[in-house]
Amino acid sequence: MQELEKQIDKMKSQINDSNTTHKGISANLDTMLVIAEKKVKQEIKLEAIQKHIQTAENPERKENLYTMKRKIFEKNMVEYNKIAGRAFSQEMKIEAWNNLLKKYNIPKYSIAVGKKRTLKFIILDLESRMAYVKGGTFRMGQNNGYEREKPVHYVRVNDFYMGKYEVTFAEYDIFCEATNRTKPDDEGWGRGNRPVINVSWDDATAYCEWLSKTTGKNYRLPTEAEWEYAAGGGSWHQKYTGTNYKNSLSSYAWYSENSGGKIHQAGKKKANRYGLYDMNGNVWEWCSDWYGDYSASFQNNPKGPSSGSERIIRGGGWHSSTTNCQVSYRGCGNSSHSSNFLGFRIVRF
């Protein structure tokens, strides 16, 4: 309420100082005041939810509260965009931008004002795009598959949060703009909400480091064990993500039989039991581990070998067969290698 009033006062002052006349200015100011009054109740509710989030211990309860917070914020964003659209100068837009960053406790970040996708990515709470994965013990690998998938062994992983979607071009392009990197090629398939491709393991880890610094939270690539556990539905450990039957795979994945030879927008197929989309198909996903042979012994939060020549990739891509989409299937590649079937998703710990 106070922030809106400050903006309104500043606009009035600019109008008076310059003896500006503008058709509809009075109506616009009156509209802003009405909007400000309507927002008061939303702001009070938002503050109450934030207090509950800070004291909530149950991760699922926190996830529900974050969803409520996001919905309220999205309503406020609609009204903010109306106000920003009426601003008479770039200076006022920048001031409004900084007010939003402060208001929603988002680290101040120096990027161009007025880019719709930038505003959405930086401001919308990242927690709303992270799925809570309850840790547990599962049987990793399979004995009737390829040698690199053997032997089956028991593994325990702790609780963690994983990105519901593979990192998209919209998100990765902002990172490139912020760090003066060259944007990866989209092969003419389109950018936006499609998973980013043509990124190496080095690129993916650099993105995680930048995101951690920007948000003040710890993001990284998933370990191979975390990835397989989440993709298979935890201790259930389904053969594919969301199903045990290859005839049902097309409901959960874009792969060789239905992709049309290209990537597709994230989240258009069914999610698995953790609310994770595209864990099979669309793009292969980099994991943090070096590739190495499995051990038959029990492993507790394994992170892979301490060194190696190639990094793990998982999940299969738009060009993959049903076999390569099985959650136990292991691929690998040089950390500097990139391809139009390679992408990644993030975890928070």
Protein backbone atom coordinates (compact mmCIF):
# COMPACT_ATOMS: atom_id res chain seq x y z
CA MET A 1 0.00 0.00 0.00
CA GLN A 2 2.75 2.45 0.98
CA GLU A 3 4.82 1.55 -2.07
CA LEU A 4 1.93 2.20 -4.42
CA GLU A 5 1.18 5.51 -2.72
CA LYS A 6 4.82 6.57 -3.12
CA GLN A 7 4.68 5.76 -6.84
CA ILE A 8 1.43 7.68 -7.20
CA ASP A 9 2.85 10.70 -5.32
CA LYS A 10 5.93 10.66 -7.54
CA MET A 11 3.79 10.59 -10.68
CA LYS A 12 1.71 13.51 -9.41
CA SER A 13 4.88 15.46 -8.63
CA GLN A 14 6.31 14.83 -12.10
CA ILE A 15 3.07 15.95 -13.68
CA ASN A 16 2.96 19.17 -11.62
CA ASP A 17 6.65 20.00 -12.11
CA SER A 18 6.49 19.73 -15.86
CA ASN A 19 2.96 21.18 -16.19
CA THR A 20 2.16 18.02 -18.08
CA THR A 21 -1.35 17.38 -19.25
CA HIS A 22 -2.37 13.93 -20.27
CA LYS A 23 -5.78 12.62 -21.15
CA GLY A 24 -6.92 10.03 -18.68
CA ILE A 25 -4.24 10.72 -16.03
CA SER A 26 -6.77 11.39 -13.30
CA ALA A 27 -8.66 8.24 -14.16
CA ASN A 28 -5.45 6.22 -14.07
CA LEU A 29 -4.50 7.58 -10.65
CA ASP A 30 -7.96 6.85 -9.28
CA THR A 31 -7.71 3.30 -10.64
CA MET A 32 -4.37 2.83 -8.92
CA LEU A 33 -5.81 3.93 -5.60
CA VAL A 34 -8.65 1.43 -5.96
CA ILE A 35 -6.13 -1.30 -6.75
CA ALA A 36 -4.08 -0.34 -3.71
CA GLU A 37 -7.10 -0.61 -1.44
CA LYS A 38 -8.00 -4.05 -2.84
CA LYS A 39 -4.46 -5.28 -2.25
CA VAL A 40 -4.49 -4.59 1.49
CA LYS A 41 -6.37 -7.79 2.33
CA GLN A 42 -4.08 -9.82 0.07
CA GLU A 43 -0.98 -8.38 1.71
CA ILE A 44 -2.23 -9.26 5.21
CA LYS A 45 -2.98 -12.81 4.09
CA LEU A 46 0.42 -13.10 2.41
CA GLU A 47 2.23 -12.03 5.58
CA ALA A 48 0.29 -14.60 7.62
CA ILE A 49 1.19 -17.38 5.18
CA GLN A 50 4.86 -16.38 5.27
CA LYS A 51 4.85 -16.68 9.08
CA HIS A 52 3.35 -20.16 8.81
CA ILE A 53 6.01 -21.16 6.27
CA GLN A 54 8.79 -20.08 8.63
CA THR A 55 7.38 -22.16 11.51
CA ALA A 56 6.11 -25.18 9.56
CA GLU A 57 8.18 -28.34 10.05
CA ASN A 58 6.30 -30.68 7.71
CA PRO A 59 7.77 -30.33 4.18
CA GLU A 60 4.45 -31.17 2.51
CA ARG A 61 2.74 -28.48 4.61
CA LYS A 62 5.44 -26.02 3.51
CA GLU A 63 4.84 -26.97 -0.13
CA ASN A 64 1.11 -26.25 0.22
CA LEU A 65 1.82 -22.90 1.88
CA TYR A 66 4.26 -21.94 -0.87
CA THR A 67 1.54 -22.75 -3.43
CA MET A 68 -0.90 -20.45 -1.60
CA LYS A 69 1.76 -17.73 -1.49
CA ARG A 70 2.46 -18.08 -5.21
CA LYS A 71 -1.23 -17.75 -6.12
CA ILE A 72 -1.60 -14.56 -4.07
CA PHE A 73 1.60 -13.18 -5.56
CA GLU A 74 0.46 -13.92 -9.11
CA LYS A 75 -2.69 -11.87 -8.47
CA ASN A 76 -0.50 -9.01 -7.25
CA MET A 77 1.69 -9.35 -10.36
CA VAL A 78 -1.32 -8.69 -12.59
CA GLU A 79 -1.96 -5.42 -10.78
CA TYR A 80 1.74 -4.53 -10.75
CA ASN A 81 1.95 -4.97 -14.53
CA LYS A 82 -0.97 -2.57 -14.92
CA ILE A 83 0.87 0.04 -12.85
CA ALA A 84 4.22 -0.53 -14.59
CA GLY A 85 2.49 -0.12 -17.93
CA ARG A 86 1.34 3.35 -16.91
CA ALA A 87 4.76 4.51 -15.67
CA PHE A 88 5.99 7.61 -17.50
CA SER A 89 9.72 6.90 -17.26
CA GLN A 90 12.27 4.08 -17.12
CA GLU A 91 13.37 5.45 -13.73
CA MET A 92 9.93 4.79 -12.29
CA LYS A 93 9.88 1.25 -13.72
CA ILE A 94 13.25 0.53 -12.13
CA GLU A 95 12.02 1.87 -8.80
CA ALA A 96 8.91 -0.33 -8.99
CA TRP A 97 11.11 -3.32 -9.92
CA ASN A 98 13.39 -2.76 -6.90
CA ASN A 99 10.35 -2.40 -4.64
CA LEU A 100 9.11 -5.81 -5.77
CA LEU A 101 12.50 -7.42 -5.17
CA LYS A 102 12.55 -5.99 -1.65
CA LYS A 103 8.93 -6.77 -0.93
CA TYR A 104 9.22 -10.46 -1.79
CA ASN A 105 12.65 -10.89 -0.23
CA ILE A 106 14.40 -11.60 -3.52
CA PRO A 107 18.14 -10.78 -3.83
CA LYS A 108 18.67 -7.59 -5.81
CA TYR A 109 19.73 -8.47 -9.30
CA SER A 110 20.86 -6.07 -12.01
CA ILE A 111 19.14 -7.09 -15.22
CA ALA A 112 17.03 -5.19 -17.72
CA VAL A 113 13.66 -4.00 -16.48
CA GLY A 114 10.57 -4.73 -18.50
CA LYS A 115 11.40 -8.21 -19.78
CA LYS A 116 8.35 -10.28 -19.01
CA ARG A 117 10.13 -13.65 -18.75
CA THR A 118 12.89 -12.13 -16.58
CA LEU A 119 10.33 -10.67 -14.19
CA LYS A 120 8.48 -13.97 -13.98
CA PHE A 121 11.59 -16.10 -13.44
CA ILE A 122 13.30 -13.96 -10.82
CA ILE A 123 10.22 -13.02 -8.82
CA LEU A 124 8.06 -16.13 -8.84
CA ASP A 125 9.09 -18.27 -5.91
CA LEU A 126 11.43 -21.04 -7.02
CA GLU A 127 9.95 -23.25 -4.31
CA SER A 128 6.75 -23.51 -6.34
CA ARG A 129 8.73 -25.31 -9.05
CA MET A 130 10.50 -27.69 -6.69
CA ALA A 131 8.99 -31.03 -5.65
CA TYR A 132 9.66 -32.55 -2.24
CA VAL A 133 11.12 -36.06 -2.43
CA LYS A 134 10.93 -38.02 0.80
CA GLY A 135 14.14 -40.02 1.24
CA GLY A 136 14.28 -43.78 1.69
CA THR A 137 15.96 -47.02 0.68
CA PHE A 138 15.58 -48.69 -2.71
CA ARG A 139 17.12 -51.31 -4.99
CA MET A 140 19.28 -49.46 -7.51
CA GLY A 141 20.11 -50.94 -10.92
CA GLN A 142 18.87 -54.15 -12.51
CA ASN A 143 20.42 -57.58 -13.04
CA ASN A 144 18.71 -58.36 -16.36
CA GLY A 145 19.90 -55.21 -18.09
CA TYR A 146 23.24 -53.96 -19.39
CA GLU A 147 26.46 -54.72 -17.50
CA ARG A 148 26.78 -51.11 -16.38
CA GLU A 149 23.44 -51.47 -14.54
CA LYS A 150 24.69 -54.42 -12.45
CA PRO A 151 24.70 -55.50 -9.72
CA VAL A 152 21.46 -54.50 -8.05
CA HIS A 153 22.34 -53.01 -4.68
CA TYR A 154 20.55 -51.27 -1.84
CA VAL A 155 20.91 -47.51 -1.59
CA ARG A 156 19.58 -44.98 0.87
CA VAL A 157 19.09 -41.29 0.04
CA ASN A 158 18.07 -38.42 2.29
CA ASP A 159 15.13 -36.07 1.70
CA PHE A 160 15.66 -33.50 -1.04
CA TYR A 161 13.84 -31.13 -3.38
CA MET A 162 14.01 -31.66 -7.14
CA GLY A 163 12.94 -29.42 -10.01
CA LYS A 164 9.52 -30.46 -11.28
CA TYR A 165 10.70 -29.68 -14.79
CA GLU A 166 13.94 -29.80 -16.72
CA VAL A 167 15.60 -26.37 -16.78
CA THR A 168 14.06 -24.46 -19.68
CA PHE A 169 15.48 -22.09 -22.28
CA ALA A 170 13.55 -19.25 -20.61
CA GLU A 171 15.43 -19.87 -17.36
CA TYR A 172 18.82 -20.65 -18.87
CA ASP A 173 18.77 -17.66 -21.23
CA ILE A 174 18.50 -15.33 -18.23
CA PHE A 175 21.63 -16.94 -16.80
CA CYS A 176 23.41 -16.38 -20.12
CA GLU A 177 22.40 -12.71 -20.18
CA ALA A 178 23.51 -12.23 -16.59
CA THR A 179 26.91 -13.85 -17.11
CA ASN A 180 27.57 -12.73 -20.71
CA ARG A 181 27.54 -16.29 -22.00
CA THR A 182 26.59 -17.30 -25.50
CA LYS A 183 23.08 -18.74 -25.55
CA PRO A 184 22.85 -22.37 -26.68
CA ASP A 185 21.32 -23.16 -30.05
CA ASP A 186 17.71 -24.35 -30.03
CA GLU A 187 18.06 -26.16 -33.39
CA GLY A 188 15.10 -24.17 -34.67
CA TRP A 189 12.72 -26.06 -32.36
CA GLY A 190 11.91 -23.05 -30.20
CA ARG A 191 12.97 -21.73 -26.81
CA GLY A 192 10.71 -20.49 -24.01
CA ASN A 193 9.31 -23.35 -21.94
CA ARG A 194 11.17 -26.06 -23.83
CA PRO A 195 14.05 -27.78 -22.00
CA VAL A 196 17.40 -26.18 -22.69
CA ILE A 197 19.65 -28.26 -24.96
CA ASN A 198 23.21 -28.08 -26.22
CA VAL A 199 24.55 -27.60 -22.70
CA SER A 200 27.48 -29.46 -21.18
CA TRP A 201 27.95 -30.72 -17.63
CA ASP A 202 30.22 -27.71 -17.09
CA ASP A 203 27.44 -25.38 -18.26
CA ALA A 204 24.89 -27.06 -16.01
CA THR A 205 27.04 -26.82 -12.89
CA ALA A 206 27.84 -23.16 -13.67
CA TYR A 207 24.09 -22.49 -13.84
CA CYS A 208 23.57 -24.15 -10.44
CA GLU A 209 26.36 -22.06 -8.90
CA TRP A 210 24.88 -18.86 -10.34
CA LEU A 211 21.38 -19.76 -9.16
CA SER A 212 22.67 -20.50 -5.66
CA LYS A 213 24.46 -17.16 -5.50
CA THR A 214 21.47 -15.29 -6.89
CA THR A 215 18.86 -16.82 -4.57
CA GLY A 216 20.96 -17.47 -1.46
CA LYS A 217 19.93 -21.14 -1.50
CA ASN A 218 21.92 -24.25 -2.40
CA TYR A 219 21.18 -25.72 -5.83
CA ARG A 220 23.14 -28.41 -7.65
CA LEU A 221 22.77 -31.30 -10.08
CA PRO A 222 21.21 -34.46 -8.62
CA THR A 223 23.41 -37.40 -7.75
CA GLU A 224 22.81 -40.49 -9.85
CA ALA A 225 21.20 -42.22 -6.86
CA GLU A 226 18.87 -39.28 -6.18
CA TRP A 227 17.89 -39.19 -9.84
CA GLU A 228 17.03 -42.90 -10.07
CA TYR A 229 15.21 -42.85 -6.73
CA ALA A 230 13.04 -39.89 -7.79
CA ALA A 231 12.44 -41.13 -11.33
CA GLY A 232 11.34 -44.58 -10.17
CA GLY A 233 8.95 -43.26 -7.55
CA GLY A 234 11.11 -43.90 -4.49
CA SER A 235 11.05 -47.31 -2.86
CA TRP A 236 8.42 -48.44 -5.38
CA HIS A 237 11.10 -48.25 -8.07
CA GLN A 238 8.99 -48.51 -11.19
CA LYS A 239 10.61 -49.58 -14.45
CA TYR A 240 9.80 -46.26 -16.13
CA THR A 241 8.86 -42.99 -14.54
CA GLY A 242 5.21 -43.28 -13.55
CA THR A 243 4.65 -46.79 -14.87
CA ASN A 244 6.00 -50.34 -15.12
CA TYR A 245 4.67 -50.84 -18.63
CA LYS A 246 6.30 -49.62 -21.83
CA ASN A 247 2.89 -49.39 -23.52
CA SER A 248 2.08 -46.60 -21.03
CA LEU A 249 5.36 -44.74 -21.50
CA SER A 250 3.91 -42.36 -24.11
CA SER A 251 1.70 -40.88 -21.37
CA TYR A 252 4.80 -39.85 -19.41
CA ALA A 253 7.55 -39.23 -21.96
CA TRP A 254 8.55 -37.76 -25.31
CA TYR A 255 10.76 -40.41 -26.91
CA SER A 256 11.51 -41.94 -30.32
CA GLU A 257 7.98 -43.19 -30.94
CA ASN A 258 6.10 -39.95 -30.30
CA SER A 259 8.52 -36.98 -30.25
CA GLY A 260 8.59 -36.28 -33.98
CA GLY A 261 12.38 -35.97 -33.73
CA LYS A 262 12.52 -32.89 -31.50
CA ILE A 263 12.10 -31.56 -27.96
CA HIS A 264 8.74 -30.47 -26.57
CA GLN A 265 7.53 -27.99 -23.97
CA ALA A 266 8.13 -29.03 -20.38
CA GLY A 267 5.31 -30.52 -18.34
CA LYS A 268 3.01 -31.57 -21.17
CA LYS A 269 3.05 -35.26 -20.19
CA LYS A 270 1.91 -36.86 -16.92
CA ALA A 271 3.99 -36.42 -13.78
CA ASN A 272 5.19 -39.30 -11.64
CA ARG A 273 4.17 -39.83 -8.01
CA TYR A 274 6.51 -37.04 -6.83
CA GLY A 275 5.08 -34.51 -9.27
CA LEU A 276 8.14 -34.68 -11.55
CA TYR A 277 7.68 -34.25 -15.30
CA ASP A 278 9.74 -35.59 -18.22
CA MET A 279 12.01 -37.76 -16.07
CA ASN A 280 12.00 -40.04 -19.11
CA GLY A 281 12.49 -38.65 -22.59
CA ASN A 282 12.60 -35.09 -23.96
CA VAL A 283 16.27 -34.61 -22.96
CA TRP A 284 18.91 -36.68 -21.18
CA GLU A 285 19.77 -35.14 -17.83
CA TRP A 286 23.24 -34.55 -16.42
CA CYS A 287 23.93 -35.91 -12.93
CA SER A 288 26.73 -34.79 -10.65
CA ASP A 289 28.58 -38.16 -10.50
CA TRP A 290 31.56 -39.41 -12.41
CA TYR A 291 30.74 -42.67 -14.18
CA GLY A 292 31.95 -45.80 -12.37
CA ASP A 293 31.01 -49.45 -11.83
CA TYR A 294 28.47 -50.26 -9.14
CA SER A 295 29.35 -51.92 -5.86
CA ALA A 296 27.22 -54.76 -4.52
CA SER A 297 27.36 -53.38 -0.98
CA PHE A 298 24.83 -51.07 0.67
CA GLN A 299 25.41 -47.40 -0.14
CA ASN A 300 24.31 -44.42 1.94
CA ASN A 301 23.84 -41.23 -0.12
CA PRO A 302 26.45 -42.24 -2.71
CA LYS A 303 28.06 -39.50 -4.77
CA GLY A 304 29.94 -41.72 -7.23
CA PRO A 305 33.69 -42.10 -7.76
CA SER A 306 36.02 -39.31 -6.68
CA SER A 307 37.36 -38.98 -10.23
CA GLY A 308 36.76 -40.24 -13.74
CA SER A 309 36.67 -39.38 -17.42
CA GLU A 310 32.91 -39.08 -18.03
CA ARG A 311 29.86 -37.80 -16.16
CA ILE A 312 26.55 -39.63 -15.74
CA ILE A 313 23.49 -38.80 -17.86
CA ARG A 314 20.05 -40.29 -17.17
CA GLY A 315 16.49 -40.59 -18.43
CA GLY A 316 16.74 -40.86 -22.20
CA GLY A 317 15.81 -38.16 -24.69
CA TRP A 318 13.50 -37.36 -27.58
CA HIS A 319 15.42 -39.81 -29.79
CA SER A 320 15.64 -42.68 -27.26
CA SER A 321 14.14 -46.16 -27.34
CA THR A 322 11.99 -47.56 -24.52
CA THR A 323 15.04 -49.47 -23.25
CA ASN A 324 17.08 -46.29 -22.86
CA CYS A 325 14.17 -44.67 -21.02
CA GLN A 326 14.17 -47.24 -18.22
CA VAL A 327 14.99 -45.55 -14.91
CA SER A 328 17.92 -47.93 -14.30
CA TYR A 329 19.59 -47.25 -17.66
CA ARG A 330 22.91 -45.42 -17.38
CA GLY A 331 24.52 -43.16 -19.94
CA CYS A 332 27.64 -41.01 -19.71
CA GLY A 333 29.50 -38.26 -21.51
CA ASN A 334 32.49 -35.96 -21.30
CA SER A 335 31.81 -32.99 -19.00
CA SER A 336 32.55 -30.51 -21.80
CA HIS A 337 30.35 -32.29 -24.35
CA SER A 338 27.02 -30.81 -25.42
CA SER A 339 24.32 -32.07 -27.76
CA ASN A 340 20.77 -31.39 -28.89
CA PHE A 341 19.55 -34.20 -26.65
CA LEU A 342 21.38 -33.11 -23.47
CA GLY A 343 19.83 -30.96 -20.73
CA PHE A 344 19.48 -31.05 -16.95
CA ARG A 345 17.31 -30.40 -13.90
CA ILE A 346 18.25 -29.13 -10.45
CA VAL A 347 17.94 -30.22 -6.84
CA ARG A 348 18.00 -28.15 -3.68
CA PHE A 349 19.57 -29.39 -0.47
